[in-house]
N, C-alpha and C. Protein backbone atom coordinates (compact mmCIF):
# COMPACT_ATOMS: atom_id res chain seq x y z
N MET A 1 3.95 29.03 4.11
CA MET A 1 3.44 27.64 4.09
C MET A 1 2.25 27.70 3.10
N GLN A 2 2.49 26.81 2.05
CA GLN A 2 1.36 26.74 1.13
C GLN A 2 0.91 25.34 0.95
N ARG A 3 -0.16 25.12 0.35
CA ARG A 3 -0.58 23.79 -0.02
C ARG A 3 0.13 23.09 -1.05
N LYS A 4 0.53 21.85 -0.80
CA LYS A 4 1.30 21.15 -1.69
C LYS A 4 0.55 20.76 -3.00
N PRO A 5 1.25 20.85 -4.24
CA PRO A 5 0.52 20.50 -5.39
C PRO A 5 0.06 18.99 -5.50
N PHE A 6 -0.77 18.71 -6.32
CA PHE A 6 -1.34 17.33 -6.40
C PHE A 6 -0.10 16.40 -6.80
N TRP A 7 0.64 16.72 -7.80
CA TRP A 7 1.68 15.78 -8.22
C TRP A 7 2.79 15.44 -7.08
N LYS A 8 2.95 16.45 -6.26
CA LYS A 8 3.85 16.22 -5.13
C LYS A 8 3.32 15.24 -4.17
N LEU A 9 2.00 15.43 -3.93
CA LEU A 9 1.33 14.46 -2.90
C LEU A 9 1.22 13.11 -3.49
N LEU A 10 1.12 13.05 -4.89
CA LEU A 10 1.06 11.77 -5.55
C LEU A 10 2.33 11.05 -5.43
N LEU A 11 3.45 11.72 -5.69
CA LEU A 11 4.85 11.22 -5.55
C LEU A 11 5.08 10.77 -4.06
N LEU A 12 4.75 11.55 -3.21
CA LEU A 12 4.73 11.20 -1.84
C LEU A 12 4.04 9.91 -1.41
N GLY A 13 2.81 9.71 -1.94
CA GLY A 13 2.01 8.50 -1.71
C GLY A 13 2.74 7.36 -2.39
N ILE A 14 3.25 7.50 -3.64
CA ILE A 14 3.89 6.47 -4.39
C ILE A 14 5.17 6.11 -3.62
N GLY A 15 5.83 7.01 -3.08
CA GLY A 15 7.15 6.78 -2.30
C GLY A 15 6.88 5.96 -1.15
N TYR A 16 5.76 6.39 -0.35
CA TYR A 16 5.43 5.53 0.83
C TYR A 16 4.95 4.13 0.43
N MET A 17 4.34 4.06 -0.74
CA MET A 17 3.85 2.75 -1.17
C MET A 17 4.96 1.86 -1.58
N VAL A 18 5.97 2.41 -2.21
CA VAL A 18 7.18 1.59 -2.70
C VAL A 18 8.01 1.27 -1.41
N LEU A 19 8.04 2.20 -0.31
CA LEU A 19 8.77 1.76 0.92
C LEU A 19 7.99 0.67 1.57
N GLY A 20 6.76 0.60 1.54
CA GLY A 20 5.94 -0.42 2.18
C GLY A 20 6.30 -1.69 1.49
N ASN A 21 6.26 -1.74 0.23
CA ASN A 21 6.69 -3.05 -0.54
C ASN A 21 8.06 -3.53 -0.26
N ILE A 22 8.98 -2.55 -0.32
CA ILE A 22 10.36 -2.82 0.04
C ILE A 22 10.58 -3.40 1.49
N MET A 23 9.89 -2.85 2.42
CA MET A 23 9.94 -3.30 3.77
C MET A 23 9.30 -4.69 3.90
N SER A 24 8.27 -4.96 3.08
CA SER A 24 7.64 -6.20 3.19
C SER A 24 8.38 -7.33 2.51
N THR A 25 9.11 -6.90 1.43
CA THR A 25 9.89 -7.86 0.83
C THR A 25 11.03 -8.24 1.71
N VAL A 26 11.68 -7.31 2.31
CA VAL A 26 12.80 -7.56 3.22
C VAL A 26 12.34 -8.50 4.37
N MET A 27 11.11 -8.24 4.96
CA MET A 27 10.58 -8.99 6.05
C MET A 27 10.37 -10.45 5.61
N THR A 28 9.83 -10.49 4.46
CA THR A 28 9.50 -11.90 3.90
C THR A 28 10.76 -12.77 3.63
N VAL A 29 11.74 -12.10 2.98
CA VAL A 29 13.05 -12.71 2.81
C VAL A 29 13.78 -13.15 4.12
N ALA A 30 13.61 -12.33 5.07
CA ALA A 30 14.17 -12.65 6.31
C ALA A 30 13.48 -13.78 7.05
N ALA A 31 12.23 -13.98 6.74
CA ALA A 31 11.50 -15.14 7.27
C ALA A 31 11.43 -16.29 6.25
N SER A 32 12.34 -16.22 5.20
CA SER A 32 12.31 -17.46 4.28
C SER A 32 12.77 -18.73 4.93
N VAL A 33 13.32 -18.61 5.96
CA VAL A 33 13.82 -19.95 6.67
C VAL A 33 12.56 -20.75 6.99
N VAL A 34 11.48 -20.13 7.30
CA VAL A 34 10.22 -20.92 7.68
C VAL A 34 9.32 -20.75 6.65
N ALA A 35 9.64 -20.54 5.44
CA ALA A 35 8.65 -20.35 4.34
C ALA A 35 7.86 -21.60 3.97
N ASP A 36 8.27 -22.67 4.41
CA ASP A 36 7.55 -23.96 4.20
C ASP A 36 6.28 -24.19 5.11
N ILE A 37 6.16 -23.40 6.04
CA ILE A 37 4.98 -23.51 6.92
C ILE A 37 3.99 -22.48 6.57
N PRO A 38 2.85 -22.94 6.02
CA PRO A 38 1.79 -21.92 5.46
C PRO A 38 1.18 -21.09 6.50
N LEU A 39 1.04 -21.50 7.68
CA LEU A 39 0.43 -20.67 8.77
C LEU A 39 1.34 -19.52 9.04
N ILE A 40 2.72 -19.73 9.14
CA ILE A 40 3.70 -18.63 9.32
C ILE A 40 3.58 -17.59 8.18
N MET A 41 3.41 -18.09 6.89
CA MET A 41 3.40 -17.28 5.84
C MET A 41 2.01 -16.38 5.81
N ILE A 42 0.95 -16.94 6.33
CA ILE A 42 -0.24 -16.21 6.47
C ILE A 42 -0.06 -15.14 7.49
N ILE A 43 0.54 -15.40 8.52
CA ILE A 43 0.75 -14.55 9.63
C ILE A 43 1.73 -13.32 9.24
N LEU A 44 2.59 -13.74 8.42
CA LEU A 44 3.51 -12.66 7.76
C LEU A 44 2.83 -11.93 6.74
N PHE A 45 1.90 -12.52 6.08
CA PHE A 45 1.06 -11.71 5.10
C PHE A 45 0.27 -10.66 5.84
N ILE A 46 -0.28 -11.04 6.91
CA ILE A 46 -1.11 -10.04 7.74
C ILE A 46 -0.18 -8.93 8.22
N PHE A 47 1.17 -9.18 8.55
CA PHE A 47 2.00 -8.18 8.96
C PHE A 47 2.43 -7.30 7.79
N THR A 48 2.61 -7.86 6.60
CA THR A 48 2.93 -7.02 5.55
C THR A 48 1.84 -6.19 5.03
N VAL A 49 0.66 -6.67 5.09
CA VAL A 49 -0.56 -5.87 4.75
C VAL A 49 -0.64 -4.68 5.83
N PHE A 50 -0.41 -4.86 7.02
CA PHE A 50 -0.41 -3.85 8.05
C PHE A 50 0.69 -2.82 7.73
N ILE A 51 1.89 -3.23 7.39
CA ILE A 51 2.82 -2.38 7.07
C ILE A 51 2.58 -1.47 5.89
N PHE A 52 2.13 -2.19 4.85
CA PHE A 52 1.89 -1.36 3.59
C PHE A 52 0.70 -0.42 3.72
N TYR A 53 -0.32 -0.85 4.39
CA TYR A 53 -1.46 0.13 4.42
C TYR A 53 -1.24 1.11 5.59
N SER A 54 -0.29 0.90 6.54
CA SER A 54 0.03 1.89 7.52
C SER A 54 0.91 3.05 6.78
N LEU A 55 1.64 2.65 5.96
CA LEU A 55 2.56 3.68 5.26
C LEU A 55 1.56 4.55 4.20
N CYS A 56 0.67 3.89 3.62
CA CYS A 56 -0.34 4.57 2.73
C CYS A 56 -1.10 5.57 3.61
N PHE A 57 -1.55 5.09 4.80
CA PHE A 57 -2.21 5.79 5.71
C PHE A 57 -1.40 7.13 6.19
N THR A 58 -0.11 6.91 6.40
CA THR A 58 0.77 7.97 6.97
C THR A 58 1.02 9.07 6.04
N ALA A 59 1.07 8.79 4.70
CA ALA A 59 1.29 9.75 3.72
C ALA A 59 0.10 10.76 3.75
N ALA A 60 -1.02 10.16 3.81
CA ALA A 60 -2.24 11.13 3.79
C ALA A 60 -2.49 11.76 5.13
N PHE A 61 -2.13 10.96 6.21
CA PHE A 61 -2.30 11.62 7.58
C PHE A 61 -1.38 12.85 7.71
N LYS A 62 -0.16 12.81 7.22
CA LYS A 62 0.58 13.88 7.34
C LYS A 62 0.28 15.13 6.62
N ASP A 63 -0.34 14.80 5.42
CA ASP A 63 -0.93 15.93 4.63
C ASP A 63 -2.12 16.44 5.29
N GLY A 64 -2.89 15.63 5.97
CA GLY A 64 -4.11 16.06 6.64
C GLY A 64 -3.70 16.94 7.84
N GLN A 65 -2.64 16.71 8.55
CA GLN A 65 -2.16 17.65 9.55
C GLN A 65 -1.71 18.92 9.00
N ARG A 66 -1.01 18.84 7.95
CA ARG A 66 -0.51 20.14 7.29
C ARG A 66 -1.71 20.97 6.72
N GLU A 67 -2.76 20.27 6.14
CA GLU A 67 -3.82 20.93 5.75
C GLU A 67 -4.70 21.60 6.82
N ARG A 68 -4.76 20.98 7.94
CA ARG A 68 -5.46 21.57 9.20
C ARG A 68 -4.75 22.85 9.62
N LEU A 69 -3.40 22.77 9.55
CA LEU A 69 -2.75 24.11 9.93
C LEU A 69 -2.99 25.15 9.03
N LEU A 70 -2.99 24.79 7.73
CA LEU A 70 -3.25 25.87 6.74
C LEU A 70 -4.65 26.48 6.86
N VAL A 71 -5.69 25.59 7.19
CA VAL A 71 -6.95 26.15 7.33
C VAL A 71 -7.16 26.89 8.66
N LYS A 72 -6.54 26.31 9.69
CA LYS A 72 -6.49 27.06 10.95
C LYS A 72 -5.88 28.43 10.91
N ASN A 73 -4.79 28.61 10.21
CA ASN A 73 -4.10 29.89 10.02
C ASN A 73 -4.62 30.72 8.91
N HIS A 74 -5.74 30.35 8.21
CA HIS A 74 -6.36 31.14 7.13
C HIS A 74 -5.57 31.39 5.96
N ARG A 75 -4.72 30.42 5.69
CA ARG A 75 -3.84 30.51 4.42
C ARG A 75 -4.60 29.88 3.33
N VAL A 76 -5.61 29.06 3.56
CA VAL A 76 -6.37 28.51 2.51
C VAL A 76 -7.86 28.61 2.96
N GLU A 77 -8.72 28.60 2.01
CA GLU A 77 -10.19 28.77 2.44
C GLU A 77 -10.75 27.46 2.92
N GLY A 78 -10.42 26.30 2.47
CA GLY A 78 -10.93 25.06 2.81
C GLY A 78 -10.24 23.88 2.22
N VAL A 79 -10.72 22.70 2.58
CA VAL A 79 -10.04 21.58 2.19
C VAL A 79 -10.58 21.18 0.78
N ILE A 80 -9.69 20.63 -0.08
CA ILE A 80 -9.99 20.09 -1.42
C ILE A 80 -10.69 18.77 -1.18
N LYS A 81 -11.96 18.70 -1.44
CA LYS A 81 -12.60 17.42 -1.18
C LYS A 81 -12.22 16.34 -2.19
N GLY A 82 -11.98 15.13 -1.65
CA GLY A 82 -11.63 13.85 -2.39
C GLY A 82 -10.28 13.87 -2.96
N ARG A 83 -9.29 14.76 -2.57
CA ARG A 83 -8.02 14.69 -3.20
C ARG A 83 -7.24 13.51 -2.91
N TRP A 84 -7.38 13.00 -1.67
CA TRP A 84 -6.56 11.78 -1.30
C TRP A 84 -7.28 10.57 -1.77
N THR A 85 -8.61 10.70 -2.11
CA THR A 85 -9.31 9.58 -2.66
C THR A 85 -8.82 9.33 -4.09
N ILE A 86 -8.65 10.47 -4.78
CA ILE A 86 -8.21 10.35 -6.20
C ILE A 86 -6.71 9.85 -6.22
N ILE A 87 -5.90 10.45 -5.32
CA ILE A 87 -4.46 9.87 -5.16
C ILE A 87 -4.47 8.46 -4.84
N GLY A 88 -5.46 7.98 -4.00
CA GLY A 88 -5.35 6.63 -3.71
C GLY A 88 -5.87 5.78 -4.83
N ILE A 89 -6.75 6.22 -5.59
CA ILE A 89 -7.14 5.49 -6.90
C ILE A 89 -5.94 5.36 -7.88
N ILE A 90 -5.26 6.50 -8.02
CA ILE A 90 -4.08 6.40 -8.91
C ILE A 90 -3.02 5.41 -8.34
N MET A 91 -2.83 5.45 -7.09
CA MET A 91 -1.79 4.54 -6.45
C MET A 91 -2.30 3.18 -6.62
N LEU A 92 -3.58 2.78 -6.58
CA LEU A 92 -4.25 1.56 -6.71
C LEU A 92 -3.87 1.14 -8.19
N LEU A 93 -4.12 1.96 -9.17
CA LEU A 93 -3.86 1.64 -10.63
C LEU A 93 -2.45 1.32 -10.78
N ILE A 94 -1.57 2.14 -10.10
CA ILE A 94 -0.10 1.86 -10.43
C ILE A 94 0.26 0.43 -9.75
N MET A 95 -0.33 0.18 -8.62
CA MET A 95 0.00 -1.20 -8.04
C MET A 95 -0.72 -2.33 -8.79
N CYS A 96 -1.64 -2.05 -9.63
CA CYS A 96 -2.33 -3.18 -10.39
C CYS A 96 -1.48 -3.50 -11.63
N ILE A 97 -0.57 -2.52 -12.15
CA ILE A 97 0.10 -2.76 -13.37
C ILE A 97 0.99 -4.04 -13.36
N PRO A 98 1.78 -4.27 -12.16
CA PRO A 98 2.57 -5.57 -12.23
C PRO A 98 1.72 -6.81 -12.18
N SER A 99 0.48 -6.72 -11.52
CA SER A 99 -0.49 -7.93 -11.48
C SER A 99 -1.10 -8.19 -12.87
N VAL A 100 -1.34 -7.11 -13.51
CA VAL A 100 -1.83 -7.20 -14.95
C VAL A 100 -0.87 -7.88 -15.76
N ILE A 101 0.37 -7.40 -15.68
CA ILE A 101 1.44 -8.07 -16.59
C ILE A 101 1.64 -9.56 -16.09
N LEU A 102 1.51 -9.79 -14.70
CA LEU A 102 1.56 -11.24 -14.28
C LEU A 102 0.43 -12.08 -14.94
N PHE A 103 -0.77 -11.46 -14.90
CA PHE A 103 -1.93 -12.20 -15.41
C PHE A 103 -1.73 -12.47 -16.91
N ILE A 104 -1.27 -11.54 -17.67
CA ILE A 104 -1.01 -11.67 -19.12
C ILE A 104 0.13 -12.79 -19.30
N ASP A 105 1.08 -12.71 -18.42
CA ASP A 105 2.28 -13.65 -18.59
C ASP A 105 1.80 -15.08 -18.20
N ALA A 106 1.03 -15.23 -17.16
CA ALA A 106 0.51 -16.48 -16.73
C ALA A 106 -0.47 -17.09 -17.81
N SER A 107 -1.19 -16.18 -18.52
CA SER A 107 -2.12 -16.72 -19.49
C SER A 107 -1.38 -17.03 -20.86
N VAL A 108 -0.57 -16.14 -21.28
CA VAL A 108 0.07 -16.27 -22.62
C VAL A 108 1.54 -16.80 -22.54
N ARG A 109 2.20 -16.62 -21.41
CA ARG A 109 3.61 -17.02 -21.21
C ARG A 109 4.55 -16.23 -22.07
N LEU A 110 4.48 -14.92 -21.98
CA LEU A 110 5.33 -13.99 -22.76
C LEU A 110 6.63 -13.89 -22.18
N PHE A 111 6.89 -13.68 -20.93
CA PHE A 111 8.13 -13.45 -20.27
C PHE A 111 8.57 -14.80 -19.59
N ASP A 112 9.98 -14.75 -19.47
CA ASP A 112 10.47 -15.86 -18.72
C ASP A 112 11.01 -15.25 -17.42
N GLY A 113 10.70 -15.78 -16.29
CA GLY A 113 11.19 -15.31 -14.98
C GLY A 113 10.63 -14.04 -14.54
N TYR A 114 9.44 -13.61 -14.86
CA TYR A 114 8.84 -12.45 -14.35
C TYR A 114 8.48 -12.45 -12.93
N LEU A 115 8.27 -13.66 -12.31
CA LEU A 115 7.76 -13.82 -11.10
C LEU A 115 8.71 -13.31 -10.06
N ILE A 116 10.02 -13.41 -10.32
CA ILE A 116 10.94 -12.87 -9.25
C ILE A 116 10.91 -11.33 -9.21
N PRO A 117 11.01 -10.47 -10.36
CA PRO A 117 10.84 -9.11 -10.10
C PRO A 117 9.48 -8.72 -9.65
N TYR A 118 8.44 -9.54 -9.98
CA TYR A 118 7.12 -9.25 -9.47
C TYR A 118 7.08 -9.23 -7.84
N ARG A 119 7.65 -10.17 -7.34
CA ARG A 119 7.76 -10.44 -5.91
C ARG A 119 8.48 -9.17 -5.27
N MET A 120 9.49 -8.58 -5.98
CA MET A 120 10.23 -7.52 -5.42
C MET A 120 9.28 -6.19 -5.54
N LEU A 121 8.68 -6.05 -6.71
CA LEU A 121 7.77 -4.87 -6.87
C LEU A 121 6.52 -4.96 -5.87
N CYS A 122 6.02 -6.06 -5.77
CA CYS A 122 4.71 -6.26 -4.95
C CYS A 122 5.13 -7.07 -3.60
N GLY A 123 5.94 -6.45 -2.78
CA GLY A 123 6.36 -7.24 -1.57
C GLY A 123 5.27 -7.61 -0.63
N MET A 124 4.17 -6.77 -0.68
CA MET A 124 3.08 -7.12 0.29
C MET A 124 2.48 -8.42 -0.16
N ILE A 125 2.58 -8.85 -1.33
CA ILE A 125 2.01 -10.09 -1.96
C ILE A 125 2.92 -11.27 -1.67
N TYR A 126 4.10 -11.13 -1.49
CA TYR A 126 5.11 -12.14 -1.53
C TYR A 126 4.78 -13.18 -0.48
N PRO A 127 4.42 -13.01 0.71
CA PRO A 127 4.04 -14.02 1.68
C PRO A 127 2.74 -14.72 1.29
N LEU A 128 1.84 -14.10 0.63
CA LEU A 128 0.54 -14.70 0.17
C LEU A 128 0.94 -15.65 -0.93
N ALA A 129 1.81 -15.24 -1.84
CA ALA A 129 2.13 -16.13 -2.97
C ALA A 129 2.86 -17.37 -2.52
N LEU A 130 3.71 -17.23 -1.47
CA LEU A 130 4.38 -18.43 -0.92
C LEU A 130 3.42 -19.34 -0.20
N ALA A 131 2.38 -18.75 0.48
CA ALA A 131 1.42 -19.51 1.25
C ALA A 131 0.42 -20.21 0.21
N MET A 132 0.28 -19.60 -1.02
CA MET A 132 -0.62 -20.23 -2.04
C MET A 132 0.16 -21.23 -2.85
N GLY A 133 1.43 -21.34 -2.72
CA GLY A 133 2.30 -22.41 -3.40
C GLY A 133 3.01 -21.76 -4.58
N VAL A 134 3.03 -20.54 -4.74
CA VAL A 134 3.79 -19.99 -5.84
C VAL A 134 5.25 -19.64 -5.36
N ASN A 135 5.97 -20.66 -5.17
CA ASN A 135 7.36 -20.42 -4.59
C ASN A 135 8.42 -20.92 -5.50
N TYR A 136 8.13 -20.64 -6.78
CA TYR A 136 9.11 -20.97 -7.83
C TYR A 136 9.24 -19.81 -8.80
N SER A 137 10.30 -19.76 -9.59
CA SER A 137 10.52 -18.61 -10.45
C SER A 137 9.82 -18.84 -11.77
N GLU A 138 9.26 -19.90 -12.22
CA GLU A 138 8.51 -19.97 -13.34
C GLU A 138 7.05 -19.89 -13.17
N ILE A 139 6.34 -19.33 -14.04
CA ILE A 139 4.84 -19.13 -13.96
C ILE A 139 4.12 -20.26 -14.46
N THR A 140 4.80 -21.38 -15.05
CA THR A 140 4.06 -22.42 -15.72
C THR A 140 3.06 -23.10 -14.99
N GLY A 141 3.18 -23.25 -13.68
CA GLY A 141 2.26 -23.98 -12.86
C GLY A 141 1.40 -23.12 -12.21
N MET A 142 1.36 -21.81 -12.36
CA MET A 142 0.56 -20.81 -11.69
C MET A 142 -0.75 -20.59 -12.40
N PRO A 143 -1.94 -20.74 -11.86
CA PRO A 143 -3.24 -20.51 -12.64
C PRO A 143 -3.26 -18.82 -12.74
N PRO A 144 -3.71 -18.46 -13.85
CA PRO A 144 -3.78 -16.93 -14.06
C PRO A 144 -4.68 -16.13 -13.09
N TYR A 145 -5.68 -16.93 -12.51
CA TYR A 145 -6.52 -16.01 -11.58
C TYR A 145 -5.81 -15.74 -10.30
N PHE A 146 -4.65 -16.28 -9.94
CA PHE A 146 -3.79 -15.89 -8.77
C PHE A 146 -3.48 -14.41 -8.99
N ALA A 147 -3.26 -13.95 -10.15
CA ALA A 147 -2.76 -12.60 -10.35
C ALA A 147 -4.04 -11.71 -10.06
N LEU A 148 -5.16 -12.08 -10.28
CA LEU A 148 -6.29 -11.28 -9.93
C LEU A 148 -6.55 -11.27 -8.38
N ILE A 149 -6.19 -12.32 -7.72
CA ILE A 149 -6.27 -12.37 -6.26
C ILE A 149 -5.23 -11.44 -5.67
N PHE A 150 -4.01 -11.51 -6.36
CA PHE A 150 -2.95 -10.56 -5.88
C PHE A 150 -3.35 -9.14 -5.96
N MET A 151 -4.02 -8.84 -7.16
CA MET A 151 -4.42 -7.46 -7.41
C MET A 151 -5.56 -6.93 -6.42
N ALA A 152 -6.35 -7.84 -6.09
CA ALA A 152 -7.40 -7.59 -5.08
C ALA A 152 -6.81 -7.18 -3.75
N CYS A 153 -5.62 -7.61 -3.40
CA CYS A 153 -5.09 -7.19 -2.05
C CYS A 153 -4.79 -5.71 -2.08
N TYR A 154 -4.75 -4.96 -3.05
CA TYR A 154 -4.42 -3.63 -3.03
C TYR A 154 -5.72 -2.78 -3.11
N ILE A 155 -6.82 -3.31 -3.12
CA ILE A 155 -8.12 -2.68 -3.30
C ILE A 155 -8.35 -1.56 -2.19
N LEU A 156 -7.88 -1.59 -1.12
CA LEU A 156 -8.17 -0.78 -0.05
C LEU A 156 -7.18 0.55 0.09
N ILE A 157 -6.38 0.63 -0.86
CA ILE A 157 -5.50 1.83 -0.93
C ILE A 157 -6.24 3.26 -0.86
N PRO A 158 -7.30 3.33 -1.68
CA PRO A 158 -8.12 4.56 -1.60
C PRO A 158 -8.76 4.87 -0.22
N LEU A 159 -9.16 3.79 0.38
CA LEU A 159 -9.81 3.84 1.63
C LEU A 159 -8.77 4.26 2.68
N ALA A 160 -7.58 3.67 2.63
CA ALA A 160 -6.58 3.94 3.64
C ALA A 160 -6.07 5.41 3.46
N THR A 161 -6.00 5.88 2.29
CA THR A 161 -5.49 7.31 2.21
C THR A 161 -6.65 8.28 2.63
N THR A 162 -7.81 7.91 2.28
CA THR A 162 -9.00 8.86 2.67
C THR A 162 -9.07 8.91 4.11
N ILE A 163 -8.98 7.73 4.82
CA ILE A 163 -9.15 7.76 6.22
C ILE A 163 -7.91 8.37 6.97
N GLY A 164 -6.80 8.20 6.36
CA GLY A 164 -5.55 8.81 6.81
C GLY A 164 -5.64 10.36 6.83
N PHE A 165 -6.21 10.80 5.73
CA PHE A 165 -6.31 12.36 5.57
C PHE A 165 -7.38 12.86 6.58
N ASN A 166 -8.37 12.20 6.59
CA ASN A 166 -9.53 12.69 7.53
C ASN A 166 -9.00 12.67 8.98
N ILE A 167 -8.41 11.57 9.39
CA ILE A 167 -7.95 11.61 10.80
C ILE A 167 -6.88 12.61 10.94
N GLY A 168 -5.97 12.88 10.09
CA GLY A 168 -4.99 13.91 10.20
C GLY A 168 -5.57 15.32 10.23
N PHE A 169 -6.60 15.61 9.33
CA PHE A 169 -7.28 16.84 9.27
C PHE A 169 -8.11 17.11 10.62
N LYS A 170 -8.72 16.16 11.10
CA LYS A 170 -9.66 16.37 12.29
C LYS A 170 -8.75 16.19 13.57
N ASP A 171 -7.49 15.83 13.52
CA ASP A 171 -6.67 15.85 14.57
C ASP A 171 -7.11 14.70 15.72
N ARG A 172 -7.51 13.58 15.14
CA ARG A 172 -7.95 12.54 16.01
C ARG A 172 -6.94 11.79 16.84
N LEU A 173 -5.58 11.80 16.30
CA LEU A 173 -4.55 11.09 16.99
C LEU A 173 -3.75 12.11 17.86
N ASN A 174 -4.20 13.21 18.27
CA ASN A 174 -3.36 14.07 19.06
C ASN A 174 -3.36 13.55 20.44
N PRO A 175 -2.24 13.29 20.95
CA PRO A 175 -2.10 12.71 22.46
C PRO A 175 -2.69 13.50 23.42
N ASP A 176 -2.55 14.85 23.24
CA ASP A 176 -3.05 15.74 24.28
C ASP A 176 -4.62 15.75 24.40
N LYS A 177 -5.26 15.59 23.19
CA LYS A 177 -6.70 15.51 23.19
C LYS A 177 -7.25 14.16 23.58
N ILE A 178 -6.40 13.11 23.31
CA ILE A 178 -6.83 11.80 23.70
C ILE A 178 -6.75 11.48 25.20
N MET A 179 -5.64 11.97 25.80
CA MET A 179 -5.40 11.63 27.31
C MET A 179 -5.84 12.66 28.20
N TYR A 180 -5.82 13.99 27.82
CA TYR A 180 -6.20 14.96 28.74
C TYR A 180 -7.64 15.64 28.48
N GLU A 181 -8.34 15.01 27.63
CA GLU A 181 -9.72 15.62 27.31
C GLU A 181 -10.69 15.43 28.53
N LYS A 182 -11.30 16.51 28.80
CA LYS A 182 -12.32 16.49 30.00
C LYS A 182 -13.53 15.85 29.53
N ARG A 183 -14.15 15.03 30.37
CA ARG A 183 -15.36 14.24 29.91
C ARG A 183 -16.45 14.74 30.71
């Protein structure tokens, strides 16, 4: 058992991030029957944020558990500091690309119908966009600063991955330690 290379961990994190967006898109499309009610869309946005960040957390958490075993068995000397923070920053930059394209499109009107693939790529943002009134396929009526608000929703990715790794490495969610710990 060896330490996974950086690029494999990055691909794992991106995969979990894409899965979170797909799950959020499916959940939002399933709730499209009540898409006219802004309160329901805000509650749905809270759920999609939870799903997305939970999956980002999980990718780092699993690596933290694996890293703990490697250190415990003396296969590696120590933890590489800040690895999941860097991976989280790269994941954040990747998720900002569709929003930057949306911002440019809303400002200059380059593409026609970009909002539909944007909703699929950024599924976590989909309910927020519906709650903010962006429920059409054309960007003509959308202010460009909405894209910046959508981009800001992903700002906590590095924090989620760092916390996930630390909790996994320190074994904080071990049921045996939580339930049967002597006080």
